[in-house]
Amino acid sequence: MAEKAHRIPNNFCGLPEEFSSWRNSRVVIIPVPYDLTSTYVSGSRSGPRAIINASMNMEQFDEELKTENFRIGIHTQEQLETIASSPEPMMAAIEGAVEEVLAADKFPVLLGGEHSITIGALRAVRKKHRRISILHFDAHADLRDSYQGTSLSHACAGRRASEMGRLVQVGIRSLSAEEEEFRSKSEVRTFFAADLASGRAHLNEIISSIDGDLYITIDLDVFDPSIVPATGTPEPGGLTWYDVTGILRAACEGRRVVGMDVVELCPIMNSVASDFLAAKLVYRAIGYVFSGELARIRERKLKKK
């Protein structure tokens, strides 16, 4: 009888039960294939599956952190069922899913889908963590109060976030006159991509703007489109891999991070570079958040040898 072919589990990183069960995992991946309010190129509903597929082909040793980040335990949930009737029921469903993860004292990582999913996640986070900052990586300010008839549009994600915590934006290079007026009169801290590139804005300014517990939201169009072309609304002049990961690492050091999302991947057929970057970014961010625990796991593993 022929030996059965080995099958890689269909979860983030393709992890075996030991490192992917709900019971054994500190991290929970929540795929949210939702793009109801997308306004230019749609397709981010396919983003979560593309990220998970790419993650199954990554090296699981993190060359920067010198750890195997999966050892913290990463559980992948079934994708959240989308609701197309209107944004509010979808936000409620996301809120409930994140609330369940937080109640189990686990770390939620949402894979989008469009940027509006951040609103549902933050509603749940605010119930448990009353004083938070939101570190918002994006090309777009997303500070409109309403867009195309809804206050829950992807174009309003930053505005709604600013109502739930201190909003710190990084990489912005596109906004409307309405958004600029709101931003200039609010407590939102915005670090424009041009200022970061020229050195007029510095890492320590970004980090010192963060107060309290931290939620991280990463719209992949924060990257320059030469690096990540697979987004619905690409903008020229974006950040590099090392720009984003450098800020992420500094933000996570010595701080309680309570959740994160990576959104707006709009996969391009036969071009997987963006998918792979998104998967590695999630994996690297998990390493930053749990760096202390992963270092202790590594030390115990070395002592057993």
C-alpha atoms as a PDB file:
ATOM      1  CA  MET A   1       0.000   0.000   0.000  1.00  0.00           C
ATOM      2  CA  ALA A   2       1.381   3.427  -0.938  1.00  0.00           C
ATOM      3  CA  GLU A   3       2.275   5.697   1.940  1.00  0.00           C
ATOM      4  CA  LYS A   4      -0.142   8.603   2.372  1.00  0.00           C
ATOM      5  CA  ALA A   5       1.267  11.981   1.359  1.00  0.00           C
ATOM      6  CA  HIS A   6       2.006  14.344   4.231  1.00  0.00           C
ATOM      7  CA  ARG A   7      -0.538  17.151   4.356  1.00  0.00           C
ATOM      8  CA  ILE A   8       0.285  20.552   5.809  1.00  0.00           C
ATOM      9  CA  PRO A   9      -2.516  21.761   8.109  1.00  0.00           C
ATOM     10  CA  ASN A  10      -4.564  24.537   6.496  1.00  0.00           C
ATOM     11  CA  ASN A  11      -3.911  27.195   9.137  1.00  0.00           C
ATOM     12  CA  PHE A  12      -1.592  30.161   9.649  1.00  0.00           C
ATOM     13  CA  CYS A  13       1.960  28.804   9.232  1.00  0.00           C
ATOM     14  CA  GLY A  14       0.616  25.304   8.584  1.00  0.00           C
ATOM     15  CA  LEU A  15       1.116  24.383  12.232  1.00  0.00           C
ATOM     16  CA  PRO A  16       0.467  20.985  13.838  1.00  0.00           C
ATOM     17  CA  GLU A  17      -2.093  20.608  16.638  1.00  0.00           C
ATOM     18  CA  GLU A  18       0.552  21.095  19.324  1.00  0.00           C
ATOM     19  CA  PHE A  19       1.042  24.698  18.270  1.00  0.00           C
ATOM     20  CA  SER A  20      -2.331  25.551  16.719  1.00  0.00           C
ATOM     21  CA  SER A  21      -5.079  24.287  19.018  1.00  0.00           C
ATOM     22  CA  TRP A  22      -7.229  26.817  20.828  1.00  0.00           C
ATOM     23  CA  ARG A  23      -6.086  25.438  24.166  1.00  0.00           C
ATOM     24  CA  ASN A  24      -2.356  25.668  23.412  1.00  0.00           C
ATOM     25  CA  SER A  25      -2.336  29.051  21.649  1.00  0.00           C
ATOM     26  CA  ARG A  26      -1.741  32.561  22.948  1.00  0.00           C
ATOM     27  CA  VAL A  27      -2.557  34.098  19.543  1.00  0.00           C
ATOM     28  CA  VAL A  28      -5.822  33.728  17.602  1.00  0.00           C
ATOM     29  CA  ILE A  29      -6.025  34.559  13.905  1.00  0.00           C
ATOM     30  CA  ILE A  30      -9.485  35.832  12.877  1.00  0.00           C
ATOM     31  CA  PRO A  31      -9.940  35.923   9.083  1.00  0.00           C
ATOM     32  CA  VAL A  32     -12.524  38.540   8.052  1.00  0.00           C
ATOM     33  CA  PRO A  33     -13.184  38.361   4.265  1.00  0.00           C
ATOM     34  CA  TYR A  34     -15.257  41.541   4.113  1.00  0.00           C
ATOM     35  CA  ASP A  35     -15.091  44.403   1.597  1.00  0.00           C
ATOM     36  CA  LEU A  36     -18.624  45.767   1.346  1.00  0.00           C
ATOM     37  CA  THR A  37     -17.617  49.459   1.392  1.00  0.00           C
ATOM     38  CA  SER A  38     -14.584  49.231  -0.904  1.00  0.00           C
ATOM     39  CA  THR A  39     -14.641  52.155  -3.327  1.00  0.00           C
ATOM     40  CA  TYR A  40     -11.878  51.704  -5.925  1.00  0.00           C
ATOM     41  CA  VAL A  41     -10.528  48.198  -6.585  1.00  0.00           C
ATOM     42  CA  SER A  42     -12.476  45.550  -4.690  1.00  0.00           C
ATOM     43  CA  GLY A  43     -11.137  42.117  -3.806  1.00  0.00           C
ATOM     44  CA  SER A  44      -9.782  42.459  -0.273  1.00  0.00           C
ATOM     45  CA  ARG A  45     -12.309  39.788   0.704  1.00  0.00           C
ATOM     46  CA  SER A  46      -9.707  37.376  -0.719  1.00  0.00           C
ATOM     47  CA  GLY A  47      -6.944  38.816   1.436  1.00  0.00           C
ATOM     48  CA  PRO A  48      -7.259  36.576   4.520  1.00  0.00           C
ATOM     49  CA  ARG A  49      -7.011  33.347   2.533  1.00  0.00           C
ATOM     50  CA  ALA A  50      -4.053  34.683   0.509  1.00  0.00           C
ATOM     51  CA  ILE A  51      -2.193  35.623   3.702  1.00  0.00           C
ATOM     52  CA  ILE A  52      -2.818  32.221   5.270  1.00  0.00           C
ATOM     53  CA  ASN A  53      -1.742  30.427   2.086  1.00  0.00           C
ATOM     54  CA  ALA A  54       1.465  32.464   1.932  1.00  0.00           C
ATOM     55  CA  SER A  55       2.200  31.857   5.623  1.00  0.00           C
ATOM     56  CA  MET A  56       2.285  28.120   4.987  1.00  0.00           C
ATOM     57  CA  ASN A  57       5.374  28.688   2.818  1.00  0.00           C
ATOM     58  CA  MET A  58       7.398  30.875   5.211  1.00  0.00           C
ATOM     59  CA  GLU A  59      10.466  29.836   7.137  1.00  0.00           C
ATOM     60  CA  GLN A  60       9.307  29.613  10.742  1.00  0.00           C
ATOM     61  CA  PHE A  61      12.598  30.762  12.232  1.00  0.00           C
ATOM     62  CA  ASP A  62      12.592  34.541  12.633  1.00  0.00           C
ATOM     63  CA  GLU A  63      16.016  35.706  11.471  1.00  0.00           C
ATOM     64  CA  GLU A  64      15.722  39.087  13.224  1.00  0.00           C
ATOM     65  CA  LEU A  65      14.474  37.892  16.601  1.00  0.00           C
ATOM     66  CA  LYS A  66      16.310  34.539  16.482  1.00  0.00           C
ATOM     67  CA  THR A  67      13.153  32.789  17.659  1.00  0.00           C
ATOM     68  CA  GLU A  68      10.507  30.443  16.280  1.00  0.00           C
ATOM     69  CA  ASN A  69       7.512  32.682  16.816  1.00  0.00           C
ATOM     70  CA  PHE A  70       4.972  29.889  16.280  1.00  0.00           C
ATOM     71  CA  ARG A  71       6.001  28.355  19.619  1.00  0.00           C
ATOM     72  CA  ILE A  72       3.799  30.902  21.376  1.00  0.00           C
ATOM     73  CA  GLY A  73       0.868  28.991  19.810  1.00  0.00           C
ATOM     74  CA  ILE A  74      -1.123  30.419  16.900  1.00  0.00           C
ATOM     75  CA  HIS A  75      -4.706  29.240  16.475  1.00  0.00           C
ATOM     76  CA  THR A  76      -6.531  29.993  13.222  1.00  0.00           C
ATOM     77  CA  GLN A  77     -10.302  30.322  13.412  1.00  0.00           C
ATOM     78  CA  GLU A  78     -12.686  29.611  10.574  1.00  0.00           C
ATOM     79  CA  GLN A  79     -13.232  32.763   8.557  1.00  0.00           C
ATOM     80  CA  LEU A  80     -15.926  35.025   9.932  1.00  0.00           C
ATOM     81  CA  GLU A  81     -19.121  34.792   7.939  1.00  0.00           C
ATOM     82  CA  THR A  82     -19.717  38.037   6.103  1.00  0.00           C
ATOM     83  CA  ILE A  83     -22.947  40.024   6.351  1.00  0.00           C
ATOM     84  CA  ALA A  84     -23.742  42.065   3.253  1.00  0.00           C
ATOM     85  CA  SER A  85     -26.955  43.764   4.363  1.00  0.00           C
ATOM     86  CA  SER A  86     -25.193  46.768   5.934  1.00  0.00           C
ATOM     87  CA  PRO A  87     -21.953  47.505   7.819  1.00  0.00           C
ATOM     88  CA  GLU A  88     -23.435  47.623  11.352  1.00  0.00           C
ATOM     89  CA  PRO A  89     -24.308  43.894  11.690  1.00  0.00           C
ATOM     90  CA  MET A  90     -20.836  43.044  10.390  1.00  0.00           C
ATOM     91  CA  MET A  91     -19.199  45.301  12.963  1.00  0.00           C
ATOM     92  CA  ALA A  92     -21.265  43.596  15.663  1.00  0.00           C
ATOM     93  CA  ALA A  93     -20.138  40.163  14.459  1.00  0.00           C
ATOM     94  CA  ILE A  94     -16.482  41.239  14.490  1.00  0.00           C
ATOM     95  CA  GLU A  95     -16.920  42.769  17.938  1.00  0.00           C
ATOM     96  CA  GLY A  96     -18.357  39.501  19.253  1.00  0.00           C
ATOM     97  CA  ALA A  97     -15.558  37.402  17.752  1.00  0.00           C
ATOM     98  CA  VAL A  98     -12.836  39.604  19.228  1.00  0.00           C
ATOM     99  CA  GLU A  99     -14.610  39.795  22.572  1.00  0.00           C
ATOM    100  CA  GLU A 100     -14.547  35.985  22.796  1.00  0.00           C
ATOM    101  CA  VAL A 101     -10.799  35.908  22.148  1.00  0.00           C
ATOM    102  CA  LEU A 102     -10.095  38.618  24.710  1.00  0.00           C
ATOM    103  CA  ALA A 103     -12.276  36.894  27.316  1.00  0.00           C
ATOM    104  CA  ALA A 104     -10.039  33.816  26.962  1.00  0.00           C
ATOM    105  CA  ASP A 105      -6.984  36.054  27.619  1.00  0.00           C
ATOM    106  CA  LYS A 106      -5.662  35.485  24.114  1.00  0.00           C
ATOM    107  CA  PHE A 107      -4.271  37.925  21.556  1.00  0.00           C
ATOM    108  CA  PRO A 108      -6.529  38.657  18.546  1.00  0.00           C
ATOM    109  CA  VAL A 109      -5.027  39.151  15.081  1.00  0.00           C
ATOM    110  CA  LEU A 110      -7.593  40.064  12.430  1.00  0.00           C
ATOM    111  CA  LEU A 111      -6.836  39.520   8.755  1.00  0.00           C
ATOM    112  CA  GLY A 112      -8.841  41.703   6.387  1.00  0.00           C
ATOM    113  CA  GLY A 113     -10.711  42.468   4.351  1.00  0.00           C
ATOM    114  CA  GLU A 114     -11.211  46.195   4.249  1.00  0.00           C
ATOM    115  CA  HIS A 115     -10.155  48.655   6.932  1.00  0.00           C
ATOM    116  CA  SER A 116     -13.618  49.076   8.432  1.00  0.00           C
ATOM    117  CA  ILE A 117     -13.115  45.794  10.327  1.00  0.00           C
ATOM    118  CA  THR A 118     -10.881  47.713  12.747  1.00  0.00           C
ATOM    119  CA  ILE A 119     -13.968  49.498  14.087  1.00  0.00           C
ATOM    120  CA  GLY A 120     -15.599  46.261  15.260  1.00  0.00           C
ATOM    121  CA  ALA A 121     -12.344  45.057  16.796  1.00  0.00           C
ATOM    122  CA  LEU A 122     -11.803  48.293  18.713  1.00  0.00           C
ATOM    123  CA  ARG A 123     -15.310  48.185  20.138  1.00  0.00           C
ATOM    124  CA  ALA A 124     -14.424  44.863  21.788  1.00  0.00           C
ATOM    125  CA  VAL A 125     -10.978  46.016  22.897  1.00  0.00           C
ATOM    126  CA  ARG A 126     -12.400  49.119  24.565  1.00  0.00           C
ATOM    127  CA  LYS A 127     -14.668  46.992  26.767  1.00  0.00           C
ATOM    128  CA  LYS A 128     -11.636  45.347  28.360  1.00  0.00           C
ATOM    129  CA  HIS A 129      -8.981  48.071  28.037  1.00  0.00           C
ATOM    130  CA  ARG A 130     -10.342  51.510  28.790  1.00  0.00           C
ATOM    131  CA  ARG A 131      -7.180  53.518  28.039  1.00  0.00           C
ATOM    132  CA  ILE A 132      -5.657  52.672  24.689  1.00  0.00           C
ATOM    133  CA  SER A 133      -3.678  54.137  21.846  1.00  0.00           C
ATOM    134  CA  ILE A 134      -4.201  53.025  18.266  1.00  0.00           C
ATOM    135  CA  LEU A 135      -1.075  52.889  16.097  1.00  0.00           C
ATOM    136  CA  HIS A 136      -2.447  53.297  12.585  1.00  0.00           C
ATOM    137  CA  PHE A 137      -0.217  52.532   9.592  1.00  0.00           C
ATOM    138  CA  ASP A 138      -1.825  53.753   6.368  1.00  0.00           C
ATOM    139  CA  ALA A 139      -1.413  55.768   3.191  1.00  0.00           C
ATOM    140  CA  HIS A 140      -4.819  57.359   3.837  1.00  0.00           C
ATOM    141  CA  ALA A 141      -5.981  59.280   6.885  1.00  0.00           C
ATOM    142  CA  ASP A 142      -9.409  57.564   6.927  1.00  0.00           C
ATOM    143  CA  LEU A 143     -10.736  60.477   8.996  1.00  0.00           C
ATOM    144  CA  ARG A 144     -14.016  61.138   7.200  1.00  0.00           C
ATOM    145  CA  ASP A 145     -16.993  61.239   9.544  1.00  0.00           C
ATOM    146  CA  SER A 146     -19.144  59.556   6.896  1.00  0.00           C
ATOM    147  CA  TYR A 147     -18.573  58.305   3.373  1.00  0.00           C
ATOM    148  CA  GLN A 148     -21.082  57.180   0.772  1.00  0.00           C
ATOM    149  CA  GLY A 149     -23.878  57.153   3.323  1.00  0.00           C
ATOM    150  CA  THR A 150     -22.217  55.284   6.199  1.00  0.00           C
ATOM    151  CA  SER A 151     -20.049  56.212   9.156  1.00  0.00           C
ATOM    152  CA  LEU A 152     -18.681  52.651   9.120  1.00  0.00           C
ATOM    153  CA  SER A 153     -16.904  52.888   5.764  1.00  0.00           C
ATOM    154  CA  HIS A 154     -13.268  51.932   5.328  1.00  0.00           C
ATOM    155  CA  ALA A 155     -12.744  55.680   4.755  1.00  0.00           C
ATOM    156  CA  CYS A 156     -13.959  56.349   8.322  1.00  0.00           C
ATOM    157  CA  ALA A 157     -11.822  53.800  10.193  1.00  0.00           C
ATOM    158  CA  GLY A 158      -9.404  56.387  11.549  1.00  0.00           C
ATOM    159  CA  ARG A 159     -12.189  58.773  12.593  1.00  0.00           C
ATOM    160  CA  ARG A 160     -14.000  56.049  14.552  1.00  0.00           C
ATOM    161  CA  ALA A 161     -10.695  54.919  16.083  1.00  0.00           C
ATOM    162  CA  SER A 162     -10.000  58.474  17.278  1.00  0.00           C
ATOM    163  CA  GLU A 163     -13.267  58.303  19.244  1.00  0.00           C
ATOM    164  CA  MET A 164     -12.075  55.210  21.120  1.00  0.00           C
ATOM    165  CA  GLY A 165      -8.494  56.088  21.994  1.00  0.00           C
ATOM    166  CA  ARG A 166      -5.441  58.146  21.164  1.00  0.00           C
ATOM    167  CA  LEU A 167      -4.870  57.826  17.421  1.00  0.00           C
ATOM    168  CA  VAL A 168      -1.290  57.878  16.133  1.00  0.00           C
ATOM    169  CA  GLN A 169      -1.068  57.707  12.334  1.00  0.00           C
ATOM    170  CA  VAL A 170       2.056  56.743  10.406  1.00  0.00           C
ATOM    171  CA  GLY A 171       2.785  56.915   6.673  1.00  0.00           C
ATOM    172  CA  ILE A 172      -0.130  59.144   5.645  1.00  0.00           C
ATOM    173  CA  ARG A 173       0.109  60.698   2.177  1.00  0.00           C
ATOM    174  CA  SER A 174      -3.511  61.142   1.072  1.00  0.00           C
ATOM    175  CA  LEU A 175      -6.424  62.958   2.731  1.00  0.00           C
ATOM    176  CA  SER A 176      -9.298  65.290   1.905  1.00  0.00           C
ATOM    177  CA  ALA A 177      -9.758  68.925   2.951  1.00  0.00           C
ATOM    178  CA  GLU A 178     -12.430  67.758   5.406  1.00  0.00           C
ATOM    179  CA  GLU A 179     -10.015  65.274   6.966  1.00  0.00           C
ATOM    180  CA  GLU A 180      -7.223  67.855   7.215  1.00  0.00           C
ATOM    181  CA  GLU A 181      -9.548  70.280   8.987  1.00  0.00           C
ATOM    182  CA  PHE A 182     -10.580  67.617  11.501  1.00  0.00           C
ATOM    183  CA  ARG A 183      -7.009  66.402  11.988  1.00  0.00           C
ATOM    184  CA  SER A 184      -5.592  69.867  12.576  1.00  0.00           C
ATOM    185  CA  LYS A 185      -8.162  70.621  15.288  1.00  0.00           C
ATOM    186  CA  SER A 186      -8.093  67.215  17.005  1.00  0.00           C
ATOM    187  CA  GLU A 187      -5.648  65.333  19.204  1.00  0.00           C
ATOM    188  CA  VAL A 188      -4.806  62.921  16.393  1.00  0.00           C
ATOM    189  CA  ARG A 189      -1.047  62.661  15.845  1.00  0.00           C
ATOM    190  CA  THR A 190      -0.244  62.250  12.170  1.00  0.00           C
ATOM    191  CA  PHE A 191       3.225  61.416  10.879  1.00  0.00           C
ATOM    192  CA  PHE A 192       3.232  61.981   7.145  1.00  0.00           C
ATOM    193  CA  ALA A 193       5.283  59.718   4.880  1.00  0.00           C
ATOM    194  CA  ALA A 194       7.154  62.715   3.415  1.00  0.00           C
ATOM    195  CA  ASP A 195       8.213  63.876   6.882  1.00  0.00           C
ATOM    196  CA  LEU A 196       9.454  60.403   7.770  1.00  0.00           C
ATOM    197  CA  ALA A 197      11.408  60.153   4.501  1.00  0.00           C
ATOM    198  CA  SER A 198      13.025  63.569   4.959  1.00  0.00           C
ATOM    199  CA  GLY A 199      13.880  63.080   8.615  1.00  0.00           C
ATOM    200  CA  ARG A 200      11.534  65.852   9.784  1.00  0.00           C
ATOM    201  CA  ALA A 201       9.681  63.215  11.847  1.00  0.00           C
ATOM    202  CA  HIS A 202      11.572  60.758  14.026  1.00  0.00           C
ATOM    203  CA  LEU A 203      10.949  57.376  15.597  1.00  0.00           C
ATOM    204  CA  ASN A 204      11.075  58.684  19.159  1.00  0.00           C
ATOM    205  CA  GLU A 205       8.310  61.196  18.357  1.00  0.00           C
ATOM    206  CA  ILE A 206       6.048  58.406  17.168  1.00  0.00           C
ATOM    207  CA  ILE A 207       6.716  56.215  20.186  1.00  0.00           C
ATOM    208  CA  SER A 208       6.317  59.052  22.710  1.00  0.00           C
ATOM    209  CA  SER A 209       2.856  59.767  21.248  1.00  0.00           C
ATOM    210  CA  ILE A 210       1.607  56.348  22.388  1.00  0.00           C
ATOM    211  CA  ASP A 211      -0.135  56.324  25.768  1.00  0.00           C
ATOM    212  CA  GLY A 212      -1.606  53.337  27.621  1.00  0.00           C
ATOM    213  CA  ASP A 213      -2.226  49.906  26.095  1.00  0.00           C
ATOM    214  CA  LEU A 214      -1.719  49.603  22.357  1.00  0.00           C
ATOM    215  CA  TYR A 215      -3.805  48.337  19.442  1.00  0.00           C
ATOM    216  CA  ILE A 216      -2.074  48.139  16.055  1.00  0.00           C
ATOM    217  CA  THR A 217      -3.829  48.445  12.704  1.00  0.00           C
ATOM    218  CA  ILE A 218      -1.838  48.079   9.478  1.00  0.00           C
ATOM    219  CA  ASP A 219      -3.344  48.999   6.134  1.00  0.00           C
ATOM    220  CA  LEU A 220      -0.921  47.428   3.667  1.00  0.00           C
ATOM    221  CA  ASP A 221      -1.067  50.469   1.392  1.00  0.00           C
ATOM    222  CA  VAL A 222       1.232  52.149   3.934  1.00  0.00           C
ATOM    223  CA  PHE A 223       3.976  50.406   1.947  1.00  0.00           C
ATOM    224  CA  ASP A 224       5.189  51.913  -1.273  1.00  0.00           C
ATOM    225  CA  PRO A 225       3.304  50.273  -4.172  1.00  0.00           C
ATOM    226  CA  SER A 226       6.623  49.145  -5.659  1.00  0.00           C
ATOM    227  CA  ILE A 227       6.806  46.833  -2.613  1.00  0.00           C
ATOM    228  CA  VAL A 228       3.103  46.063  -2.122  1.00  0.00           C
ATOM    229  CA  PRO A 229       1.147  46.631  -5.337  1.00  0.00           C
ATOM    230  CA  ALA A 230      -1.750  44.398  -4.226  1.00  0.00           C
ATOM    231  CA  THR A 231      -3.980  46.969  -2.534  1.00  0.00           C
ATOM    232  CA  GLY A 232      -7.248  48.536  -3.584  1.00  0.00           C
ATOM    233  CA  THR A 233      -6.030  52.143  -3.332  1.00  0.00           C
ATOM    234  CA  PRO A 234      -2.242  52.332  -3.861  1.00  0.00           C
ATOM    235  CA  GLU A 235      -0.493  55.652  -3.267  1.00  0.00           C
ATOM    236  CA  PRO A 236       3.045  56.612  -4.367  1.00  0.00           C
ATOM    237  CA  GLY A 237       5.721  57.492  -1.853  1.00  0.00           C
ATOM    238  CA  GLY A 238       5.139  54.831   0.794  1.00  0.00           C
ATOM    239  CA  LEU A 239       7.231  53.220   3.505  1.00  0.00           C
ATOM    240  CA  THR A 240       9.655  50.310   3.227  1.00  0.00           C
ATOM    241  CA  TRP A 241       9.682  46.970   5.036  1.00  0.00           C
ATOM    242  CA  TYR A 242      12.357  48.196   7.444  1.00  0.00           C
ATOM    243  CA  ASP A 243      10.534  51.492   8.080  1.00  0.00           C
ATOM    244  CA  VAL A 244       7.402  49.654   9.198  1.00  0.00           C
ATOM    245  CA  THR A 245       9.055  46.828  11.150  1.00  0.00           C
ATOM    246  CA  GLY A 246      11.406  49.271  12.881  1.00  0.00           C
ATOM    247  CA  ILE A 247       8.486  51.355  14.145  1.00  0.00           C
ATOM    248  CA  LEU A 248       6.553  48.222  15.099  1.00  0.00           C
ATOM    249  CA  ARG A 249       9.418  46.808  17.130  1.00  0.00           C
ATOM    250  CA  ALA A 250       9.973  50.053  19.019  1.00  0.00           C
ATOM    251  CA  ALA A 251       6.228  50.422  19.704  1.00  0.00           C
ATOM    252  CA  CYS A 252       5.962  46.913  21.150  1.00  0.00           C
ATOM    253  CA  GLU A 253       9.013  47.121  23.422  1.00  0.00           C
ATOM    254  CA  GLY A 254       7.981  47.364  27.065  1.00  0.00           C
ATOM    255  CA  ARG A 255       4.339  47.955  26.226  1.00  0.00           C
ATOM    256  CA  ARG A 256       1.179  45.844  26.485  1.00  0.00           C
ATOM    257  CA  VAL A 257      -0.184  45.293  22.995  1.00  0.00           C
ATOM    258  CA  VAL A 258      -3.801  44.119  23.174  1.00  0.00           C
ATOM    259  CA  GLY A 259      -4.631  43.296  19.555  1.00  0.00           C
ATOM    260  CA  MET A 260      -3.869  44.010  15.933  1.00  0.00           C
ATOM    261  CA  ASP A 261      -5.140  43.750  12.394  1.00  0.00           C
ATOM    262  CA  VAL A 262      -3.612  43.680   8.918  1.00  0.00           C
ATOM    263  CA  VAL A 263      -6.025  44.837   6.216  1.00  0.00           C
ATOM    264  CA  GLU A 264      -6.578  45.820   2.581  1.00  0.00           C
ATOM    265  CA  LEU A 265      -4.603  43.114   0.810  1.00  0.00           C
ATOM    266  CA  CYS A 266      -6.218  42.839  -2.627  1.00  0.00           C
ATOM    267  CA  PRO A 267      -4.464  39.809  -4.152  1.00  0.00           C
ATOM    268  CA  ILE A 268      -3.181  39.916  -7.725  1.00  0.00           C
ATOM    269  CA  MET A 269      -3.350  36.675  -9.688  1.00  0.00           C
ATOM    270  CA  ASN A 270       0.077  35.081 -10.249  1.00  0.00           C
ATOM    271  CA  SER A 271       1.810  37.739  -8.130  1.00  0.00           C
ATOM    272  CA  VAL A 272       2.307  36.596  -4.548  1.00  0.00           C
ATOM    273  CA  ALA A 273       4.954  39.020  -3.253  1.00  0.00           C
ATOM    274  CA  SER A 274       2.380  41.187  -1.462  1.00  0.00           C
ATOM    275  CA  ASP A 275       0.672  38.142   0.059  1.00  0.00           C
ATOM    276  CA  PHE A 276       3.990  36.860   1.361  1.00  0.00           C
ATOM    277  CA  LEU A 277       4.977  40.234   2.813  1.00  0.00           C
ATOM    278  CA  ALA A 278       1.650  40.433   4.641  1.00  0.00           C
ATOM    279  CA  ALA A 279       2.101  36.940   6.098  1.00  0.00           C
ATOM    280  CA  LYS A 280       5.641  37.637   7.236  1.00  0.00           C
ATOM    281  CA  LEU A 281       4.559  40.982   8.702  1.00  0.00           C
ATOM    282  CA  VAL A 282       1.921  39.243  10.841  1.00  0.00           C
ATOM    283  CA  TYR A 283       4.456  36.639  11.950  1.00  0.00           C
ATOM    284  CA  ARG A 284       7.107  39.271  12.740  1.00  0.00           C
ATOM    285  CA  ALA A 285       4.600  41.397  14.672  1.00  0.00           C
ATOM    286  CA  ILE A 286       3.629  38.368  16.785  1.00  0.00           C
ATOM    287  CA  GLY A 287       7.317  37.966  17.536  1.00  0.00           C
ATOM    288  CA  TYR A 288       7.583  41.591  18.664  1.00  0.00           C
ATOM    289  CA  VAL A 289       4.508  41.357  20.885  1.00  0.00           C
ATOM    290  CA  PHE A 290       5.663  38.150  22.578  1.00  0.00           C
ATOM    291  CA  SER A 291       9.415  38.708  22.365  1.00  0.00           C
ATOM    292  CA  GLY A 292      10.006  38.200  26.082  1.00  0.00           C
ATOM    293  CA  GLU A 293       8.079  34.935  26.284  1.00  0.00           C
ATOM    294  CA  LEU A 294       9.611  33.624  23.064  1.00  0.00           C
ATOM    295  CA  ALA A 295      13.109  34.354  24.355  1.00  0.00           C
ATOM    296  CA  ARG A 296      12.354  32.340  27.494  1.00  0.00           C
ATOM    297  CA  ILE A 297      10.971  29.468  25.386  1.00  0.00           C
ATOM    298  CA  ARG A 298      14.155  29.525  23.303  1.00  0.00           C
ATOM    299  CA  GLU A 299      16.347  29.451  26.415  1.00  0.00           C
ATOM    300  CA  ARG A 300      14.465  26.460  27.844  1.00  0.00           C
ATOM    301  CA  LYS A 301      14.758  24.668  24.524  1.00  0.00           C
ATOM    302  CA  LEU A 302      18.539  25.264  24.403  1.00  0.00           C
ATOM    303  CA  LYS A 303      18.995  24.022  27.968  1.00  0.00           C
ATOM    304  CA  LYS A 304      17.325  20.713  27.088  1.00  0.00           C
ATOM    305  CA  LYS A 305      19.867  20.036  24.345  1.00  0.00           C
END
